[in-house]
Amino acid sequence: MKSMILKSGMALFLLLSFSCGGDDSPQEEEELDQELPAVFENFTDNVTVYVDGSFVVIETDDIPNHPSPYFAQSDARYEAYNGSNSNFKINPNSIVAQSITIRIPLNPTEASNKQATPLGAIGVSLNGVVFFNQYAGPNQPLTNEIDSFDQYLGHPQQSGAYHYHQEPVYLTATLGSDKLLGWLLDGFPVYGPVENGARVTNADVDDYHGHSHATTEYPNGIYHYHITDADPYINGSGFFGVAGTVSN
């Protein structure tokens, strides 16, 4: 993972303000000087992360760190489908490198008015692959689209953006099913489908697919999402917190 504390432009701004006798308030200086929390250092090397004011900025090429039948057969990362879905049918898309920038709140807060998740990226996993919600299209369930998920439960959409609607099984296999897997756009973390040695079910989480308590990475407690085996998989009725932005 490539990380930075502040954009160079912001650093120059601070230098000029000082040399010109700028009188930024202590609160403004504290916000600008915040360092990247150590928890964000867990991304793979295809991800750049830095703090920009009150946001953590995550830049990713969205390329998975595991094989897939959605790479070209001439690519060393190609792997024919070897999963357990007997109905698997590859879709016509191929994985293409993206340039995705996600801005999430550095200090996430609960939203007073919860917003539904959009189609497209709703968060990002630790290997830089984006999370999508539980729909194949506007209010369209994943029923048929699931059959195009590769052995790692991801697939690319029309522009080649690879993504997960469900558990990123390569990450849970390599990191652990109870581990931190990424964040949604509201800045709240996403954990795997196991907690305290038991498989998490939809009955264990709220309407937004999460709950609050201490975790290894957040010992003081935090709201966090859990991936489950059943719809809606990653997120339920929308973002629990105030969402940041995504652009590409």
Foldseek 3Di string as FASTA:
>chain_A
DAEDAEDPVVVVVVVVCVVVVHDDDPVQVCQQRDGDDPVLVLADPQWYWYDYRQKIKIWGQQDAPAAWCLAPPVDPSHDPFDADDPLADADPHHADGDTKIAIEGPDFDFDPDFDAADADFFWAWRHGHGEGWQAPDVVHGCVPVQSNQGRQQWHADPVNRIYHQADRVVCCVVPNQQAWTTAGQRGATEGGQDDPRDGDDQVNADQQQWDKDADPSRNVIDIHHYAHPDPRGTTGRGDRTDGTDMDD
